[in-house]
């Protein structure tokens, strides 16, 4: 299998959190908290690296350095002026993303 790496990429750091609800009828809060606690452990970071996600722990970064070579990364703020501006310019009605689907 050939893997193609881009010359640059977006630094994607999606936030994770546990939403606090006063009533947890489905019992999902404990699972959500366990996931959040596990995500940044050595084992959790190892799973990320195995699956070609860039881990943030130095140990996992070193382990997967060959399969995840260093490339320049930029943030949404740096490249697009932040999420609010990126959303308006690219994903709102009539934005650049819509242009992909316009018939010519």
PDB file of N, CA and C in Angstrom:
ATOM      1  N   UNK A   1       0.847  -1.177   0.000  1.00  0.00           N
ATOM      2  CA  UNK A   1       0.000   0.000   0.000  1.00  0.00           C
ATOM      3  C   UNK A   1       0.890   1.236   0.000  1.00  0.00           C
ATOM      4  N   UNK A   2       0.610   2.165  -0.881  1.00  0.00           N
ATOM      5  CA  UNK A   2       1.311   3.436  -0.907  1.00  0.00           C
ATOM      6  C   UNK A   2       0.537   4.448  -0.082  1.00  0.00           C
ATOM      7  N   UNK A   3       1.246   5.195   0.715  1.00  0.00           N
ATOM      8  CA  UNK A   3       0.639   6.267   1.489  1.00  0.00           C
ATOM      9  C   UNK A   3       1.168   7.579   0.932  1.00  0.00           C
ATOM     10  N   UNK A   4       0.272   8.485   0.607  1.00  0.00           N
ATOM     11  CA  UNK A   4       0.654   9.788   0.086  1.00  0.00           C
ATOM     12  C   UNK A   4       0.482  10.810   1.203  1.00  0.00           C
ATOM     13  N   UNK A   5       1.554  11.538   1.475  1.00  0.00           N
ATOM     14  CA  UNK A   5       1.524  12.560   2.511  1.00  0.00           C
ATOM     15  C   UNK A   5       1.450  13.934   1.857  1.00  0.00           C
ATOM     16  N   UNK A   6       0.611  14.804   2.356  1.00  0.00           N
ATOM     17  CA  UNK A   6       0.556  16.150   1.791  1.00  0.00           C
ATOM     18  C   UNK A   6       1.821  16.927   2.159  1.00  0.00           C
ATOM     19  N   UNK A   7       2.098  17.975   1.417  1.00  0.00           N
ATOM     20  CA  UNK A   7       3.271  18.786   1.728  1.00  0.00           C
ATOM     21  C   UNK A   7       3.010  19.684   2.934  1.00  0.00           C
ATOM     22  N   UNK A   8       1.739  20.034   3.179  1.00  0.00           N
ATOM     23  CA  UNK A   8       1.317  20.787   4.364  1.00  0.00           C
ATOM     24  C   UNK A   8      -0.054  20.264   4.770  1.00  0.00           C
ATOM     25  N   UNK A   9      -0.474  20.576   5.989  1.00  0.00           N
ATOM     26  CA  UNK A   9      -1.788  20.113   6.433  1.00  0.00           C
ATOM     27  C   UNK A   9      -2.315  21.005   7.548  1.00  0.00           C
ATOM     28  N   UNK A  10      -3.586  20.877   7.814  1.00  0.00           N
ATOM     29  CA  UNK A  10      -4.230  21.602   8.906  1.00  0.00           C
ATOM     30  C   UNK A  10      -3.962  20.871  10.210  1.00  0.00           C
ATOM     31  N   UNK A  11      -3.623  21.620  11.235  1.00  0.00           N
ATOM     32  CA  UNK A  11      -3.480  21.064  12.571  1.00  0.00           C
ATOM     33  C   UNK A  11      -4.892  20.915  13.134  1.00  0.00           C
ATOM     34  N   UNK A  12      -5.408  19.714  13.097  1.00  0.00           N
ATOM     35  CA  UNK A  12      -6.766  19.440  13.558  1.00  0.00           C
ATOM     36  C   UNK A  12      -6.707  18.949  14.997  1.00  0.00           C
ATOM     37  N   UNK A  13      -7.250  19.727  15.877  1.00  0.00           N
ATOM     38  CA  UNK A  13      -7.303  19.352  17.286  1.00  0.00           C
ATOM     39  C   UNK A  13      -8.737  19.477  17.771  1.00  0.00           C
ATOM     40  N   UNK A  14      -9.579  18.529  17.352  1.00  0.00           N
ATOM     41  CA  UNK A  14     -10.984  18.637  17.758  1.00  0.00           C
ATOM     42  C   UNK A  14     -11.132  18.519  19.266  1.00  0.00           C
ATOM     43  N   UNK A  15     -11.917  19.404  19.851  1.00  0.00           N
ATOM     44  CA  UNK A  15     -12.101  19.346  21.292  1.00  0.00           C
ATOM     45  C   UNK A  15     -12.959  18.153  21.704  1.00  0.00           C
ATOM     46  N   UNK A  16     -12.695  17.642  22.865  1.00  0.00           N
ATOM     47  CA  UNK A  16     -13.523  16.595  23.445  1.00  0.00           C
ATOM     48  C   UNK A  16     -13.926  17.040  24.842  1.00  0.00           C
ATOM     49  N   UNK A  17     -15.123  16.705  25.226  1.00  0.00           N
ATOM     50  CA  UNK A  17     -15.610  17.104  26.535  1.00  0.00           C
ATOM     51  C   UNK A  17     -16.742  16.179  26.958  1.00  0.00           C
ATOM     52  N   UNK A  18     -17.090  16.255  28.189  1.00  0.00           N
ATOM     53  CA  UNK A  18     -18.259  15.570  28.726  1.00  0.00           C
ATOM     54  C   UNK A  18     -19.301  16.639  28.978  1.00  0.00           C
ATOM     55  N   UNK A  19     -20.464  16.493  28.376  1.00  0.00           N
ATOM     56  CA  UNK A  19     -21.541  17.454  28.564  1.00  0.00           C
ATOM     57  C   UNK A  19     -22.219  17.140  29.887  1.00  0.00           C
ATOM     58  N   UNK A  20     -22.323  18.130  30.719  1.00  0.00           N
ATOM     59  CA  UNK A  20     -22.885  17.938  32.054  1.00  0.00           C
ATOM     60  C   UNK A  20     -24.405  18.081  31.996  1.00  0.00           C
ATOM     61  N   UNK A  21     -25.094  16.985  32.265  1.00  0.00           N
ATOM     62  CA  UNK A  21     -26.546  17.014  32.346  1.00  0.00           C
ATOM     63  C   UNK A  21     -26.945  16.628  33.770  1.00  0.00           C
ATOM     64  N   UNK A  22     -28.010  17.203  34.224  1.00  0.00           N
ATOM     65  CA  UNK A  22     -28.443  16.898  35.584  1.00  0.00           C
ATOM     66  C   UNK A  22     -29.005  15.490  35.697  1.00  0.00           C
ATOM     67  N   UNK A  23     -29.567  14.970  34.615  1.00  0.00           N
ATOM     68  CA  UNK A  23     -30.121  13.620  34.632  1.00  0.00           C
ATOM     69  C   UNK A  23     -29.421  12.799  33.548  1.00  0.00           C
ATOM     70  N   UNK A  24     -28.881  11.649  33.930  1.00  0.00           N
ATOM     71  CA  UNK A  24     -28.197  10.772  32.976  1.00  0.00           C
ATOM     72  C   UNK A  24     -29.000   9.487  32.872  1.00  0.00           C
ATOM     73  N   UNK A  25     -30.108   9.535  32.144  1.00  0.00           N
ATOM     74  CA  UNK A  25     -31.026   8.404  32.068  1.00  0.00           C
ATOM     75  C   UNK A  25     -30.461   7.201  31.326  1.00  0.00           C
ATOM     76  N   UNK A  26     -29.563   7.437  30.375  1.00  0.00           N
ATOM     77  CA  UNK A  26     -29.035   6.334  29.579  1.00  0.00           C
ATOM     78  C   UNK A  26     -27.728   5.790  30.137  1.00  0.00           C
ATOM     79  N   UNK A  27     -27.202   6.392  31.179  1.00  0.00           N
ATOM     80  CA  UNK A  27     -25.972   5.894  31.783  1.00  0.00           C
ATOM     81  C   UNK A  27     -24.732   6.124  30.937  1.00  0.00           C
ATOM     82  N   UNK A  28     -24.769   7.123  30.072  1.00  0.00           N
ATOM     83  CA  UNK A  28     -23.642   7.348  29.171  1.00  0.00           C
ATOM     84  C   UNK A  28     -22.563   8.250  29.761  1.00  0.00           C
ATOM     85  N   UNK A  29     -22.861   8.976  30.818  1.00  0.00           N
ATOM     86  CA  UNK A  29     -21.876   9.896  31.388  1.00  0.00           C
ATOM     87  C   UNK A  29     -20.633   9.148  31.851  1.00  0.00           C
ATOM     88  N   UNK A  30     -20.784   8.042  32.520  1.00  0.00           N
ATOM     89  CA  UNK A  30     -19.628   7.286  33.017  1.00  0.00           C
ATOM     90  C   UNK A  30     -18.760   6.802  31.860  1.00  0.00           C
ATOM     91  N   UNK A  31     -19.390   6.381  30.781  1.00  0.00           N
ATOM     92  CA  UNK A  31     -18.644   5.927  29.603  1.00  0.00           C
ATOM     93  C   UNK A  31     -17.910   7.105  28.971  1.00  0.00           C
ATOM     94  N   UNK A  32     -18.574   8.244  28.865  1.00  0.00           N
ATOM     95  CA  UNK A  32     -17.956   9.438  28.285  1.00  0.00           C
ATOM     96  C   UNK A  32     -16.758   9.889  29.119  1.00  0.00           C
ATOM     97  N   UNK A  33     -16.897   9.876  30.428  1.00  0.00           N
ATOM     98  CA  UNK A  33     -15.789  10.269  31.304  1.00  0.00           C
ATOM     99  C   UNK A  33     -14.623   9.292  31.181  1.00  0.00           C
ATOM    100  N   UNK A  34     -14.921   8.010  31.096  1.00  0.00           N
ATOM    101  CA  UNK A  34     -13.863   6.995  30.945  1.00  0.00           C
ATOM    102  C   UNK A  34     -13.124   7.195  29.616  1.00  0.00           C
ATOM    103  N   UNK A  35     -13.856   7.457  28.554  1.00  0.00           N
ATOM    104  CA  UNK A  35     -13.232   7.704  27.248  1.00  0.00           C
ATOM    105  C   UNK A  35     -12.307   8.915  27.328  1.00  0.00           C
ATOM    106  N   UNK A  36     -12.786   9.992  27.907  1.00  0.00           N
ATOM    107  CA  UNK A  36     -11.998  11.215  28.012  1.00  0.00           C
ATOM    108  C   UNK A  36     -10.722  10.986  28.823  1.00  0.00           C
ATOM    109  N   UNK A  37     -10.823  10.226  29.897  1.00  0.00           N
ATOM    110  CA  UNK A  37      -9.646   9.923  30.705  1.00  0.00           C
ATOM    111  C   UNK A  37      -8.667   9.024  29.953  1.00  0.00           C
ATOM    112  N   UNK A  38      -9.162   8.137  29.139  1.00  0.00           N
ATOM    113  CA  UNK A  38      -8.335   7.171  28.403  1.00  0.00           C
ATOM    114  C   UNK A  38      -7.655   7.776  27.180  1.00  0.00           C
ATOM    115  N   UNK A  39      -8.294   8.750  26.551  1.00  0.00           N
ATOM    116  CA  UNK A  39      -7.877   9.297  25.275  1.00  0.00           C
ATOM    117  C   UNK A  39      -6.410   9.737  25.249  1.00  0.00           C
ATOM    118  N   UNK A  40      -5.946  10.350  26.302  1.00  0.00           N
ATOM    119  CA  UNK A  40      -4.582  10.898  26.319  1.00  0.00           C
ATOM    120  C   UNK A  40      -3.595  10.042  27.112  1.00  0.00           C
ATOM    121  N   UNK A  41      -3.987   8.813  27.455  1.00  0.00           N
ATOM    122  CA  UNK A  41      -3.054   7.898  28.103  1.00  0.00           C
ATOM    123  C   UNK A  41      -2.079   7.365  27.059  1.00  0.00           C
ATOM    124  N   UNK A  42      -1.004   6.724  27.513  1.00  0.00           N
ATOM    125  CA  UNK A  42      -0.059   6.123  26.569  1.00  0.00           C
ATOM    126  C   UNK A  42      -0.766   5.138  25.642  1.00  0.00           C
ATOM    127  N   UNK A  43      -1.648   4.315  26.201  1.00  0.00           N
ATOM    128  CA  UNK A  43      -2.362   3.327  25.389  1.00  0.00           C
ATOM    129  C   UNK A  43      -3.294   3.997  24.383  1.00  0.00           C
ATOM    130  N   UNK A  44      -4.023   5.010  24.823  1.00  0.00           N
ATOM    131  CA  UNK A  44      -4.921   5.728  23.926  1.00  0.00           C
ATOM    132  C   UNK A  44      -4.166   6.411  22.802  1.00  0.00           C
ATOM    133  N   UNK A  45      -3.034   7.019  23.125  1.00  0.00           N
ATOM    134  CA  UNK A  45      -2.215   7.673  22.116  1.00  0.00           C
ATOM    135  C   UNK A  45      -1.586   6.669  21.161  1.00  0.00           C
ATOM    136  N   UNK A  46      -1.267   5.484  21.666  1.00  0.00           N
ATOM    137  CA  UNK A  46      -0.728   4.427  20.818  1.00  0.00           C
ATOM    138  C   UNK A  46      -1.782   3.983  19.794  1.00  0.00           C
ATOM    139  N   UNK A  47      -3.013   3.858  20.228  1.00  0.00           N
ATOM    140  CA  UNK A  47      -4.099   3.489  19.311  1.00  0.00           C
ATOM    141  C   UNK A  47      -4.258   4.561  18.236  1.00  0.00           C
ATOM    142  N   UNK A  48      -4.158   5.829  18.620  1.00  0.00           N
ATOM    143  CA  UNK A  48      -4.251   6.907  17.633  1.00  0.00           C
ATOM    144  C   UNK A  48      -3.159   6.755  16.577  1.00  0.00           C
ATOM    145  N   UNK A  49      -1.926   6.567  17.013  1.00  0.00           N
ATOM    146  CA  UNK A  49      -0.815   6.429  16.078  1.00  0.00           C
ATOM    147  C   UNK A  49      -0.953   5.223  15.162  1.00  0.00           C
ATOM    148  N   UNK A  50      -1.398   4.099  15.720  1.00  0.00           N
ATOM    149  CA  UNK A  50      -1.608   2.881  14.918  1.00  0.00           C
ATOM    150  C   UNK A  50      -2.595   3.122  13.789  1.00  0.00           C
ATOM    151  N   UNK A  51      -3.530   4.024  14.018  1.00  0.00           N
ATOM    152  CA  UNK A  51      -4.590   4.292  13.051  1.00  0.00           C
ATOM    153  C   UNK A  51      -4.338   5.566  12.246  1.00  0.00           C
ATOM    154  N   UNK A  52      -3.070   5.967  12.171  1.00  0.00           N
ATOM    155  CA  UNK A  52      -2.628   7.085  11.342  1.00  0.00           C
ATOM    156  C   UNK A  52      -3.183   8.433  11.762  1.00  0.00           C
ATOM    157  N   UNK A  53      -3.551   8.570  13.031  1.00  0.00           N
ATOM    158  CA  UNK A  53      -3.854   9.885  13.595  1.00  0.00           C
ATOM    159  C   UNK A  53      -2.595  10.364  14.282  1.00  0.00           C
ATOM    160  N   UNK A  54      -2.303  11.655  14.213  1.00  0.00           N
ATOM    161  CA  UNK A  54      -1.098  12.173  14.840  1.00  0.00           C
ATOM    162  C   UNK A  54      -1.297  12.259  16.351  1.00  0.00           C
ATOM    163  N   UNK A  55      -0.581  11.416  17.091  1.00  0.00           N
ATOM    164  CA  UNK A  55      -0.709  11.485  18.550  1.00  0.00           C
ATOM    165  C   UNK A  55      -0.015  12.731  19.081  1.00  0.00           C
ATOM    166  N   UNK A  56      -0.409  13.155  20.281  1.00  0.00           N
ATOM    167  CA  UNK A  56       0.237  14.329  20.870  1.00  0.00           C
ATOM    168  C   UNK A  56       1.282  13.946  21.909  1.00  0.00           C
ATOM    169  N   UNK A  57       1.269  12.720  22.376  1.00  0.00           N
ATOM    170  CA  UNK A  57       2.259  12.329  23.373  1.00  0.00           C
ATOM    171  C   UNK A  57       3.614  12.103  22.700  1.00  0.00           C
ATOM    172  N   UNK A  58       4.686  12.605  23.314  1.00  0.00           N
ATOM    173  CA  UNK A  58       6.025  12.430  22.729  1.00  0.00           C
ATOM    174  C   UNK A  58       6.389  10.958  22.502  1.00  0.00           C
ATOM    175  N   UNK A  59       5.973  10.082  23.414  1.00  0.00           N
ATOM    176  CA  UNK A  59       6.274   8.654  23.281  1.00  0.00           C
ATOM    177  C   UNK A  59       5.641   8.068  22.016  1.00  0.00           C
ATOM    178  N   UNK A  60       4.370   8.350  21.796  1.00  0.00           N
ATOM    179  CA  UNK A  60       3.678   7.835  20.610  1.00  0.00           C
ATOM    180  C   UNK A  60       4.179   8.533  19.345  1.00  0.00           C
ATOM    181  N   UNK A  61       4.508   9.812  19.441  1.00  0.00           N
ATOM    182  CA  UNK A  61       5.057  10.508  18.279  1.00  0.00           C
ATOM    183  C   UNK A  61       6.353   9.849  17.822  1.00  0.00           C
ATOM    184  N   UNK A  62       7.203   9.515  18.777  1.00  0.00           N
ATOM    185  CA  UNK A  62       8.470   8.860  18.441  1.00  0.00           C
ATOM    186  C   UNK A  62       8.227   7.481  17.831  1.00  0.00           C
ATOM    187  N   UNK A  63       7.287   6.739  18.402  1.00  0.00           N
ATOM    188  CA  UNK A  63       7.008   5.387  17.921  1.00  0.00           C
ATOM    189  C   UNK A  63       6.492   5.389  16.479  1.00  0.00           C
ATOM    190  N   UNK A  64       5.694   6.388  16.114  1.00  0.00           N
ATOM    191  CA  UNK A  64       5.061   6.417  14.799  1.00  0.00           C
ATOM    192  C   UNK A  64       5.674   7.470  13.870  1.00  0.00           C
ATOM    193  N   UNK A  65       6.875   7.897  14.158  1.00  0.00           N
ATOM    194  CA  UNK A  65       7.527   8.943  13.364  1.00  0.00           C
ATOM    195  C   UNK A  65       7.708   8.529  11.904  1.00  0.00           C
ATOM    196  N   UNK A  66       7.992   7.254  11.646  1.00  0.00           N
ATOM    197  CA  UNK A  66       8.188   6.819  10.254  1.00  0.00           C
ATOM    198  C   UNK A  66       6.885   6.850   9.458  1.00  0.00           C
ATOM    199  N   UNK A  67       5.792   6.424  10.064  1.00  0.00           N
ATOM    200  CA  UNK A  67       4.529   6.398   9.335  1.00  0.00           C
ATOM    201  C   UNK A  67       3.839   7.759   9.347  1.00  0.00           C
ATOM    202  N   UNK A  68       4.271   8.652  10.216  1.00  0.00           N
ATOM    203  CA  UNK A  68       3.693   9.995  10.275  1.00  0.00           C
ATOM    204  C   UNK A  68       4.821  11.024  10.219  1.00  0.00           C
ATOM    205  N   UNK A  69       5.432  11.195   9.050  1.00  0.00           N
ATOM    206  CA  UNK A  69       6.562  12.113   8.957  1.00  0.00           C
ATOM    207  C   UNK A  69       6.143  13.545   9.293  1.00  0.00           C
ATOM    208  N   UNK A  70       7.095  14.315   9.768  1.00  0.00           N
ATOM    209  CA  UNK A  70       6.800  15.707  10.101  1.00  0.00           C
ATOM    210  C   UNK A  70       6.511  16.487   8.837  1.00  0.00           C
ATOM    211  N   UNK A  71       5.422  17.233   8.878  1.00  0.00           N
ATOM    212  CA  UNK A  71       5.063  18.128   7.786  1.00  0.00           C
ATOM    213  C   UNK A  71       4.643  19.448   8.416  1.00  0.00           C
ATOM    214  N   UNK A  72       4.776  20.544   7.686  1.00  0.00           N
ATOM    215  CA  UNK A  72       4.309  21.821   8.234  1.00  0.00           C
ATOM    216  C   UNK A  72       2.808  21.774   8.496  1.00  0.00           C
ATOM    217  N   UNK A  73       2.419  22.194   9.680  1.00  0.00           N
ATOM    218  CA  UNK A  73       1.007  22.228  10.058  1.00  0.00           C
ATOM    219  C   UNK A  73       0.601  23.668  10.338  1.00  0.00           C
ATOM    220  N   UNK A  74      -0.600  24.030   9.946  1.00  0.00           N
ATOM    221  CA  UNK A  74      -1.109  25.367  10.222  1.00  0.00           C
ATOM    222  C   UNK A  74      -2.473  25.246  10.873  1.00  0.00           C
ATOM    223  N   UNK A  75      -2.851  26.275  11.620  1.00  0.00           N
ATOM    224  CA  UNK A  75      -4.143  26.267  12.304  1.00  0.00           C
ATOM    225  C   UNK A  75      -5.206  26.919  11.421  1.00  0.00           C
ATOM    226  N   UNK A  76      -6.444  26.717  11.764  1.00  0.00           N
ATOM    227  CA  UNK A  76      -7.557  27.357  11.071  1.00  0.00           C
ATOM    228  C   UNK A  76      -7.429  28.872  11.210  1.00  0.00           C
ATOM    229  N   UNK A  77      -6.985  29.321  12.351  1.00  0.00           N
ATOM    230  CA  UNK A  77      -6.782  30.759  12.581  1.00  0.00           C
ATOM    231  C   UNK A  77      -5.734  31.312  11.614  1.00  0.00           C
ATOM    232  N   UNK A  78      -4.606  30.631  11.508  1.00  0.00           N
ATOM    233  CA  UNK A  78      -3.526  31.102  10.643  1.00  0.00           C
ATOM    234  C   UNK A  78      -3.937  31.123   9.162  1.00  0.00           C
ATOM    235  N   UNK A  79      -4.590  30.093   8.718  1.00  0.00           N
ATOM    236  CA  UNK A  79      -4.879  29.958   7.292  1.00  0.00           C
ATOM    237  C   UNK A  79      -6.169  30.644   6.849  1.00  0.00           C
ATOM    238  N   UNK A  80      -7.168  30.664   7.722  1.00  0.00           N
ATOM    239  CA  UNK A  80      -8.490  31.105   7.295  1.00  0.00           C
ATOM    240  C   UNK A  80      -9.089  32.212   8.153  1.00  0.00           C
ATOM    241  N   UNK A  81      -8.348  32.687   9.146  1.00  0.00           N
ATOM    242  CA  UNK A  81      -8.867  33.758   9.991  1.00  0.00           C
ATOM    243  C   UNK A  81      -9.811  33.301  11.080  1.00  0.00           C
ATOM    244  N   UNK A  82      -9.793  32.021  11.418  1.00  0.00           N
ATOM    245  CA  UNK A  82     -10.643  31.482  12.487  1.00  0.00           C
ATOM    246  C   UNK A  82     -11.835  30.719  11.930  1.00  0.00           C
ATOM    247  N   UNK A  83     -12.479  29.969  12.822  1.00  0.00           N
ATOM    248  CA  UNK A  83     -13.597  29.113  12.404  1.00  0.00           C
ATOM    249  C   UNK A  83     -14.788  29.918  11.913  1.00  0.00           C
ATOM    250  N   UNK A  84     -15.075  31.037  12.559  1.00  0.00           N
ATOM    251  CA  UNK A  84     -16.244  31.826  12.155  1.00  0.00           C
ATOM    252  C   UNK A  84     -16.086  32.325  10.718  1.00  0.00           C
ATOM    253  N   UNK A  85     -14.916  32.853  10.405  1.00  0.00           N
ATOM    254  CA  UNK A  85     -14.658  33.343   9.046  1.00  0.00           C
ATOM    255  C   UNK A  85     -14.602  32.181   8.058  1.00  0.00           C
ATOM    256  N   UNK A  86     -13.949  31.081   8.425  1.00  0.00           N
ATOM    257  CA  UNK A  86     -13.867  29.913   7.538  1.00  0.00           C
ATOM    258  C   UNK A  86     -15.257  29.365   7.247  1.00  0.00           C
ATOM    259  N   UNK A  87     -16.096  29.309   8.260  1.00  0.00           N
ATOM    260  CA  UNK A  87     -17.461  28.814   8.071  1.00  0.00           C
ATOM    261  C   UNK A  87     -18.218  29.702   7.092  1.00  0.00           C
ATOM    262  N   UNK A  88     -18.129  31.010   7.286  1.00  0.00           N
ATOM    263  CA  UNK A  88     -18.835  31.958   6.411  1.00  0.00           C
ATOM    264  C   UNK A  88     -18.314  31.870   4.973  1.00  0.00           C
ATOM    265  N   UNK A  89     -16.990  31.875   4.806  1.00  0.00           N
ATOM    266  CA  UNK A  89     -16.393  31.899   3.466  1.00  0.00           C
ATOM    267  C   UNK A  89     -16.532  30.576   2.713  1.00  0.00           C
ATOM    268  N   UNK A  90     -16.471  29.485   3.436  1.00  0.00           N
ATOM    269  CA  UNK A  90     -16.370  28.197   2.749  1.00  0.00           C
ATOM    270  C   UNK A  90     -17.587  27.278   2.895  1.00  0.00           C
ATOM    271  N   UNK A  91     -18.317  27.378   4.003  1.00  0.00           N
ATOM    272  CA  UNK A  91     -19.375  26.390   4.251  1.00  0.00           C
ATOM    273  C   UNK A  91     -20.786  26.969   4.292  1.00  0.00           C
ATOM    274  N   UNK A  92     -20.924  28.275   4.394  1.00  0.00           N
ATOM    275  CA  UNK A  92     -22.258  28.883   4.390  1.00  0.00           C
ATOM    276  C   UNK A  92     -22.842  28.782   2.979  1.00  0.00           C
ATOM    277  N   UNK A  93     -24.135  29.000   2.853  1.00  0.00           N
ATOM    278  CA  UNK A  93     -24.776  28.973   1.536  1.00  0.00           C
ATOM    279  C   UNK A  93     -24.049  29.918   0.592  1.00  0.00           C
ATOM    280  N   UNK A  94     -23.676  29.400  -0.570  1.00  0.00           N
ATOM    281  CA  UNK A  94     -22.967  30.195  -1.552  1.00  0.00           C
ATOM    282  C   UNK A  94     -21.460  30.259  -1.338  1.00  0.00           C
ATOM    283  N   UNK A  95     -20.967  29.616  -0.288  1.00  0.00           N
ATOM    284  CA  UNK A  95     -19.532  29.614   0.003  1.00  0.00           C
ATOM    285  C   UNK A  95     -18.753  28.769  -0.984  1.00  0.00           C
ATOM    286  N   UNK A  96     -17.451  28.746  -0.835  1.00  0.00           N
ATOM    287  CA  UNK A  96     -16.600  28.046  -1.806  1.00  0.00           C
ATOM    288  C   UNK A  96     -16.923  26.551  -1.893  1.00  0.00           C
ATOM    289  N   UNK A  97     -17.355  25.948  -0.796  1.00  0.00           N
ATOM    290  CA  UNK A  97     -17.690  24.528  -0.839  1.00  0.00           C
ATOM    291  C   UNK A  97     -18.856  24.271  -1.789  1.00  0.00           C
ATOM    292  N   UNK A  98     -19.808  25.193  -1.819  1.00  0.00           N
ATOM    293  CA  UNK A  98     -20.941  25.051  -2.751  1.00  0.00           C
ATOM    294  C   UNK A  98     -20.477  25.092  -4.201  1.00  0.00           C
ATOM    295  N   UNK A  99     -19.398  25.788  -4.479  1.00  0.00           N
ATOM    296  CA  UNK A  99     -18.919  25.928  -5.855  1.00  0.00           C
ATOM    297  C   UNK A  99     -18.499  24.584  -6.439  1.00  0.00           C
ATOM    298  N   UNK A 100     -18.117  23.670  -5.610  1.00  0.00           N
ATOM    299  CA  UNK A 100     -17.725  22.329  -6.067  1.00  0.00           C
ATOM    300  C   UNK A 100     -18.886  21.637  -6.767  1.00  0.00           C
ATOM    301  N   UNK A 101     -20.089  21.910  -6.272  1.00  0.00           N
ATOM    302  CA  UNK A 101     -21.267  21.195  -6.754  1.00  0.00           C
ATOM    303  C   UNK A 101     -22.082  21.958  -7.793  1.00  0.00           C
ATOM    304  N   UNK A 102     -21.675  23.158  -8.144  1.00  0.00           N
ATOM    305  CA  UNK A 102     -22.439  23.933  -9.126  1.00  0.00           C
ATOM    306  C   UNK A 102     -22.241  23.342 -10.516  1.00  0.00           C
ATOM    307  N   UNK A 103     -23.344  23.242 -11.244  1.00  0.00           N
ATOM    308  CA  UNK A 103     -23.258  22.760 -12.619  1.00  0.00           C
ATOM    309  C   UNK A 103     -22.688  23.872 -13.483  1.00  0.00           C
ATOM    310  N   UNK A 104     -21.830  23.491 -14.391  1.00  0.00           N
ATOM    311  CA  UNK A 104     -21.224  24.491 -15.280  1.00  0.00           C
ATOM    312  C   UNK A 104     -21.788  24.377 -16.663  1.00  0.00           C
TER     313      UNK A 104
END
